[in-house]
Amino acid sequence: MDLITPREPEMASRRDVAPFERQIVVEQRTFGSRSDELEVAAASDCSQRHAVNEDAHSPLDRASDLYVVADGVGGGAMASWASRELVRRLHAALDRRIIDAAVIKAALLDADRELRRDIARETAYAGAATVALCASAGPSAANWLIAWVGDCRVYRVHANASDPAALLTRDDTYERLGEHPPNGGSPHDPARMVGNGAVVAPNVLPVDLHEGEMLLLCSDGLHRHVDATEIGTLLRSHHLLARGCERLLALARSHSRDDDATLLVVHRKAIRRLAWMTPR
């Protein structure tokens, strides 16, 4: 599923997309509260096959209870628009709301219906995106919900320097779901996507995030080319989280530049407590 997108609509035409410099784009922000401090970083890179990056992720310009990575499905219509629009619509539906599993599932199903409708208005080709997200499930940074459709993934990176990253999601591929791919497709292609009516029951799981741990959201352009040990080692090996993200993406790129690659990391930083504040 790596064909060139058939057509982008006027609302997201090439004129609206800034020329993409073929280098890794990295961002980092830190957001604090009285009890927790979250460090968030993202890195993304366009493949050598695409004129624009068909991945998208949440903006890091403000504190949020929601972070999303989306991957426009190559070979489908309007892939870059689909990923950006999916991120936008999930934030519109979930920002500043009390979030639970039912709310997330409803937002993903609504996005599936709305993207399918809007793509059909522009082209006869089908289009869609895969997605992974994490959403705060309480007042502290300890409790999260993760959700995914397709083959974007979520990993937990432990604070222990010797532990590999732990994969928390299971890819919605034809092979794993025991389904036959369409003619010309691969068993490793995503069988569930947002935007073409193929998602019926989005995956949602609760996750506890301890101090010092991270959640990594990524597209398949990253996780196909790095393993869990490399993820854990590189994200923990740099004082600047953005630098670890950049090094991890560069490692994936050293193996392949055939697909767009994006990662977003949410780090619950360990808070240093004064001795007199520590319970005895």
Protein backbone atom coordinates (compact mmCIF):
# COMPACT_ATOMS: atom_id res chain seq x y z
CA MET A 1 0.00 0.00 0.00
CA ASP A 2 2.66 2.48 -1.03
CA LEU A 3 1.26 4.04 -4.21
CA ILE A 4 1.19 7.79 -4.79
CA THR A 5 -1.98 9.46 -3.51
CA PRO A 6 -4.35 9.81 -6.51
CA ARG A 7 -5.57 13.32 -5.72
CA GLU A 8 -5.56 15.96 -3.02
CA PRO A 9 -8.68 18.17 -2.75
CA GLU A 10 -8.66 21.93 -3.19
CA MET A 11 -9.02 22.37 0.57
CA ALA A 12 -5.61 20.70 1.02
CA SER A 13 -3.98 21.23 -2.33
CA ARG A 14 -0.26 21.48 -3.00
CA ARG A 15 -0.64 25.28 -2.91
CA ASP A 16 -1.70 25.04 0.74
CA VAL A 17 1.23 22.85 1.78
CA ALA A 18 4.58 24.51 2.39
CA PRO A 19 7.42 22.93 0.40
CA PHE A 20 8.78 20.17 2.60
CA GLU A 21 12.47 20.31 3.36
CA ARG A 22 13.76 16.78 3.37
CA GLN A 23 15.06 16.73 6.90
CA ILE A 24 13.75 15.51 10.22
CA VAL A 25 11.47 18.08 11.87
CA VAL A 26 11.67 17.99 15.69
CA GLU A 27 9.64 19.77 18.39
CA GLN A 28 9.70 19.70 22.19
CA ARG A 29 7.64 21.31 24.96
CA THR A 30 7.39 20.96 28.75
CA PHE A 31 4.09 21.42 30.59
CA GLY A 32 3.95 21.51 34.37
CA SER A 33 1.39 21.36 37.15
CA ARG A 34 1.66 21.31 40.92
CA SER A 35 2.04 17.53 41.06
CA ASP A 36 3.37 16.48 37.65
CA GLU A 37 5.56 17.63 34.81
CA LEU A 38 5.07 16.35 31.28
CA GLU A 39 7.72 16.62 28.62
CA VAL A 40 6.39 16.12 25.08
CA ALA A 41 8.46 15.81 21.92
CA ALA A 42 7.74 14.82 18.32
CA ALA A 43 9.80 14.09 15.23
CA SER A 44 8.63 13.51 11.66
CA ASP A 45 10.21 12.98 8.26
CA CYS A 46 8.84 12.77 4.72
CA SER A 47 9.79 9.77 2.61
CA GLN A 48 11.72 10.07 -0.62
CA ARG A 49 8.63 8.79 -2.46
CA HIS A 50 6.20 11.54 -1.40
CA ALA A 51 5.97 15.19 -2.31
CA VAL A 52 4.40 15.95 1.10
CA ASN A 53 4.43 14.16 4.44
CA GLU A 54 1.36 11.91 4.69
CA ASP A 55 1.79 11.53 8.48
CA ALA A 56 0.45 14.05 10.99
CA HIS A 57 0.62 14.56 14.75
CA SER A 58 -0.86 16.79 17.44
CA PRO A 59 0.49 20.33 17.66
CA LEU A 60 2.75 20.91 20.66
CA ASP A 61 1.96 24.61 21.07
CA ARG A 62 -0.05 24.18 24.27
CA ALA A 63 -0.70 21.75 27.10
CA SER A 64 -3.21 19.06 26.18
CA ASP A 65 -4.86 15.95 27.58
CA LEU A 66 -4.69 14.34 24.12
CA TYR A 67 -1.85 13.42 21.76
CA VAL A 68 -2.35 11.82 18.35
CA VAL A 69 -0.25 10.36 15.53
CA ALA A 70 -2.00 9.58 12.21
CA ASP A 71 -0.72 7.97 9.02
CA GLY A 72 -2.49 8.67 5.73
CA VAL A 73 -2.78 5.34 3.93
CA GLY A 74 -0.54 5.27 0.87
CA GLY A 75 -2.43 4.27 -2.26
CA GLY A 76 -5.60 5.86 -0.91
CA ALA A 77 -7.06 9.18 -1.93
CA MET A 78 -6.06 12.38 -0.16
CA ALA A 79 -3.65 10.65 2.23
CA SER A 80 -1.93 13.75 3.64
CA TRP A 81 -5.26 15.55 4.05
CA ALA A 82 -6.82 12.51 5.75
CA SER A 83 -4.10 12.28 8.40
CA ARG A 84 -4.12 16.02 9.19
CA GLU A 85 -7.90 16.16 9.25
CA LEU A 86 -8.13 13.11 11.49
CA VAL A 87 -5.81 14.73 14.05
CA ARG A 88 -7.80 17.97 13.87
CA ARG A 89 -11.18 16.28 14.29
CA LEU A 90 -10.07 14.15 17.22
CA HIS A 91 -8.84 17.24 19.03
CA ALA A 92 -12.08 19.06 18.22
CA ALA A 93 -14.10 16.15 19.62
CA LEU A 94 -12.00 15.34 22.70
CA ASP A 95 -10.23 18.50 23.87
CA ARG A 96 -11.50 19.91 27.18
CA ARG A 97 -13.81 16.96 27.77
CA ILE A 98 -13.97 14.28 30.42
CA ILE A 99 -12.50 11.42 28.42
CA ASP A 100 -13.34 7.75 28.83
CA ALA A 101 -13.20 4.73 26.54
CA ALA A 102 -16.74 5.24 25.21
CA VAL A 103 -16.04 8.89 24.33
CA ILE A 104 -12.85 7.95 22.45
CA LYS A 105 -14.58 5.16 20.52
CA ALA A 106 -17.42 7.50 19.54
CA ALA A 107 -14.96 10.17 18.37
CA LEU A 108 -13.10 7.66 16.18
CA LEU A 109 -16.31 6.30 14.66
CA ASP A 110 -17.58 9.82 13.99
CA ALA A 111 -14.27 10.71 12.33
CA ASP A 112 -14.48 7.57 10.19
CA ARG A 113 -17.93 8.55 8.92
CA GLU A 114 -17.05 12.23 8.39
CA LEU A 115 -13.75 11.60 6.58
CA ARG A 116 -15.40 9.04 4.32
CA ARG A 117 -18.14 11.53 3.44
CA ASP A 118 -15.73 14.40 2.75
CA ILE A 119 -13.37 12.28 0.64
CA ALA A 120 -16.33 11.03 -1.42
CA ARG A 121 -17.23 14.65 -2.20
CA GLU A 122 -13.81 15.20 -3.77
CA THR A 123 -12.95 11.96 -5.54
CA ALA A 124 -14.27 8.51 -6.43
CA TYR A 125 -11.18 6.92 -4.84
CA ALA A 126 -11.33 5.65 -1.25
CA GLY A 127 -8.98 7.13 1.32
CA ALA A 128 -8.24 6.65 5.00
CA ALA A 129 -5.69 6.96 7.81
CA THR A 130 -4.44 4.77 10.62
CA VAL A 131 -4.05 6.32 14.06
CA ALA A 132 -2.74 5.95 17.60
CA LEU A 133 -3.52 8.26 20.50
CA CYS A 134 -3.12 8.68 24.22
CA ALA A 135 -5.49 10.66 26.41
CA SER A 136 -5.25 11.63 30.07
CA ALA A 137 -7.83 9.71 32.09
CA GLY A 138 -7.56 11.64 35.36
CA PRO A 139 -6.30 14.76 37.11
CA SER A 140 -2.71 13.51 37.32
CA ALA A 141 -0.32 12.25 34.65
CA ALA A 142 -0.46 8.72 36.05
CA ASN A 143 -3.58 7.45 34.29
CA TRP A 144 -4.00 7.32 30.51
CA LEU A 145 -6.14 5.72 27.87
CA ILE A 146 -4.52 4.60 24.63
CA ALA A 147 -6.43 3.91 21.43
CA TRP A 148 -5.52 2.82 17.93
CA VAL A 149 -6.92 1.79 14.56
CA GLY A 150 -4.63 0.11 12.03
CA ASP A 151 -0.88 -0.28 12.42
CA CYS A 152 0.19 2.87 14.23
CA ARG A 153 1.59 1.78 17.59
CA VAL A 154 1.96 2.80 21.23
CA TYR A 155 4.94 1.71 23.36
CA ARG A 156 5.71 2.26 27.03
CA VAL A 157 9.34 3.15 27.74
CA HIS A 158 10.29 2.20 31.28
CA ALA A 159 12.51 4.35 33.47
CA ASN A 160 14.87 1.41 33.97
CA ALA A 161 17.74 1.88 31.54
CA SER A 162 18.08 -1.84 30.79
CA ASP A 163 14.46 -2.52 29.80
CA PRO A 164 13.33 -2.58 26.16
CA ALA A 165 10.23 -0.59 25.27
CA ALA A 166 6.99 -2.52 25.85
CA LEU A 167 4.55 -2.71 22.94
CA LEU A 168 1.06 -1.90 24.25
CA THR A 169 -0.93 -2.23 21.00
CA ARG A 170 -1.60 -4.99 18.49
CA ASP A 171 -1.60 -4.11 14.80
CA ASP A 172 -4.94 -4.36 13.01
CA THR A 173 -3.42 -6.17 10.02
CA TYR A 174 -5.10 -8.81 7.88
CA GLU A 175 -2.64 -11.40 9.18
CA ARG A 176 -3.22 -10.73 12.87
CA LEU A 177 -7.00 -10.52 12.44
CA GLY A 178 -7.08 -13.76 10.43
CA GLU A 179 -8.54 -12.08 7.35
CA HIS A 180 -7.64 -12.34 3.68
CA PRO A 181 -6.28 -9.16 2.06
CA PRO A 182 -7.84 -7.93 -1.18
CA ASN A 183 -6.24 -8.79 -4.51
CA GLY A 184 -2.83 -7.18 -4.70
CA GLY A 185 -2.73 -6.54 -0.96
CA SER A 186 -0.38 -7.91 1.68
CA PRO A 187 -1.22 -9.80 4.90
CA HIS A 188 0.80 -7.08 6.66
CA ASP A 189 -1.42 -4.24 5.38
CA PRO A 190 -3.82 -2.59 7.85
CA ALA A 191 -7.29 -4.13 7.71
CA ARG A 192 -8.84 -1.40 9.86
CA MET A 193 -8.59 2.30 8.98
CA VAL A 194 -10.40 5.56 9.73
CA GLY A 195 -12.13 7.10 6.72
CA ASN A 196 -13.28 4.16 4.62
CA GLY A 197 -15.85 2.49 6.86
CA ALA A 198 -13.50 -0.35 7.82
CA VAL A 199 -13.47 0.36 11.57
CA VAL A 200 -16.28 -1.05 13.71
CA ALA A 201 -14.77 -1.35 17.19
CA PRO A 202 -11.76 0.93 17.88
CA ASN A 203 -9.21 -0.45 20.32
CA VAL A 204 -9.01 1.35 23.69
CA LEU A 205 -6.96 0.31 26.74
CA PRO A 206 -6.13 1.91 30.12
CA VAL A 207 -2.44 2.45 30.89
CA ASP A 208 -0.70 3.50 34.10
CA LEU A 209 2.33 5.74 33.56
CA HIS A 210 4.77 5.88 36.45
CA GLU A 211 7.22 8.69 37.13
CA GLY A 212 10.09 8.60 34.65
CA GLU A 213 8.17 6.52 32.09
CA MET A 214 7.21 7.52 28.56
CA LEU A 215 4.49 6.74 26.04
CA LEU A 216 5.69 6.58 22.43
CA LEU A 217 3.15 6.94 19.60
CA CYS A 218 4.47 6.16 16.13
CA SER A 219 3.57 5.38 12.53
CA ASP A 220 4.73 2.20 10.82
CA GLY A 221 7.45 4.14 9.01
CA LEU A 222 9.26 4.11 12.34
CA HIS A 223 8.38 0.82 14.02
CA ARG A 224 9.06 -1.33 10.97
CA HIS A 225 12.72 -0.36 11.10
CA VAL A 226 13.66 -0.17 14.79
CA ASP A 227 13.17 -2.70 17.59
CA ALA A 228 11.98 -2.33 21.17
CA THR A 229 15.51 -2.31 22.61
CA GLU A 230 16.62 0.47 20.26
CA ILE A 231 13.53 2.50 21.14
CA GLY A 232 14.19 2.25 24.86
CA THR A 233 17.91 2.90 24.62
CA LEU A 234 17.77 5.95 22.35
CA LEU A 235 14.89 7.69 24.11
CA ARG A 236 16.60 7.33 27.50
CA SER A 237 20.12 8.13 26.35
CA HIS A 238 19.78 11.90 25.82
CA HIS A 239 19.14 14.69 28.28
CA LEU A 240 16.96 16.39 25.65
CA LEU A 241 13.96 14.25 24.73
CA ALA A 242 13.84 15.88 21.29
CA ARG A 243 17.39 14.72 20.63
CA GLY A 244 16.45 11.13 21.48
CA CYS A 245 13.47 11.35 19.11
CA GLU A 246 15.68 12.71 16.37
CA ARG A 247 18.27 9.95 16.83
CA LEU A 248 15.59 7.25 16.84
CA LEU A 249 14.05 8.54 13.62
CA ALA A 250 17.48 8.86 12.04
CA LEU A 251 18.14 5.20 12.89
CA ALA A 252 14.91 4.16 11.18
CA ARG A 253 15.89 6.28 8.18
CA SER A 254 19.27 4.54 7.97
CA HIS A 255 17.32 1.33 7.21
CA SER A 256 14.66 2.77 4.86
CA ARG A 257 13.34 6.08 3.50
CA ASP A 258 10.45 4.50 1.59
CA ASP A 259 7.68 5.67 3.94
CA ASP A 260 6.93 8.75 6.01
CA ALA A 261 7.87 8.28 9.66
CA THR A 262 6.56 10.04 12.76
CA LEU A 263 6.90 9.62 16.51
CA LEU A 264 5.49 11.54 19.45
CA VAL A 265 6.67 10.93 23.03
CA VAL A 266 4.93 11.86 26.28
CA HIS A 267 7.36 11.69 29.23
CA ARG A 268 6.10 11.83 32.81
CA LYS A 269 9.15 13.35 34.42
CA ALA A 270 10.26 12.25 37.87
CA ILE A 271 9.68 15.10 40.32
CA ARG A 272 12.38 15.73 42.89
CA ARG A 273 10.75 16.03 46.31
CA LEU A 274 12.25 17.75 49.32
CA ALA A 275 13.24 15.34 52.11
CA TRP A 276 10.72 16.86 54.55
CA MET A 277 7.93 16.26 52.01
CA THR A 278 8.70 12.54 51.63
CA PRO A 279 6.33 10.30 53.63
CA ARG A 280 8.08 8.25 56.31
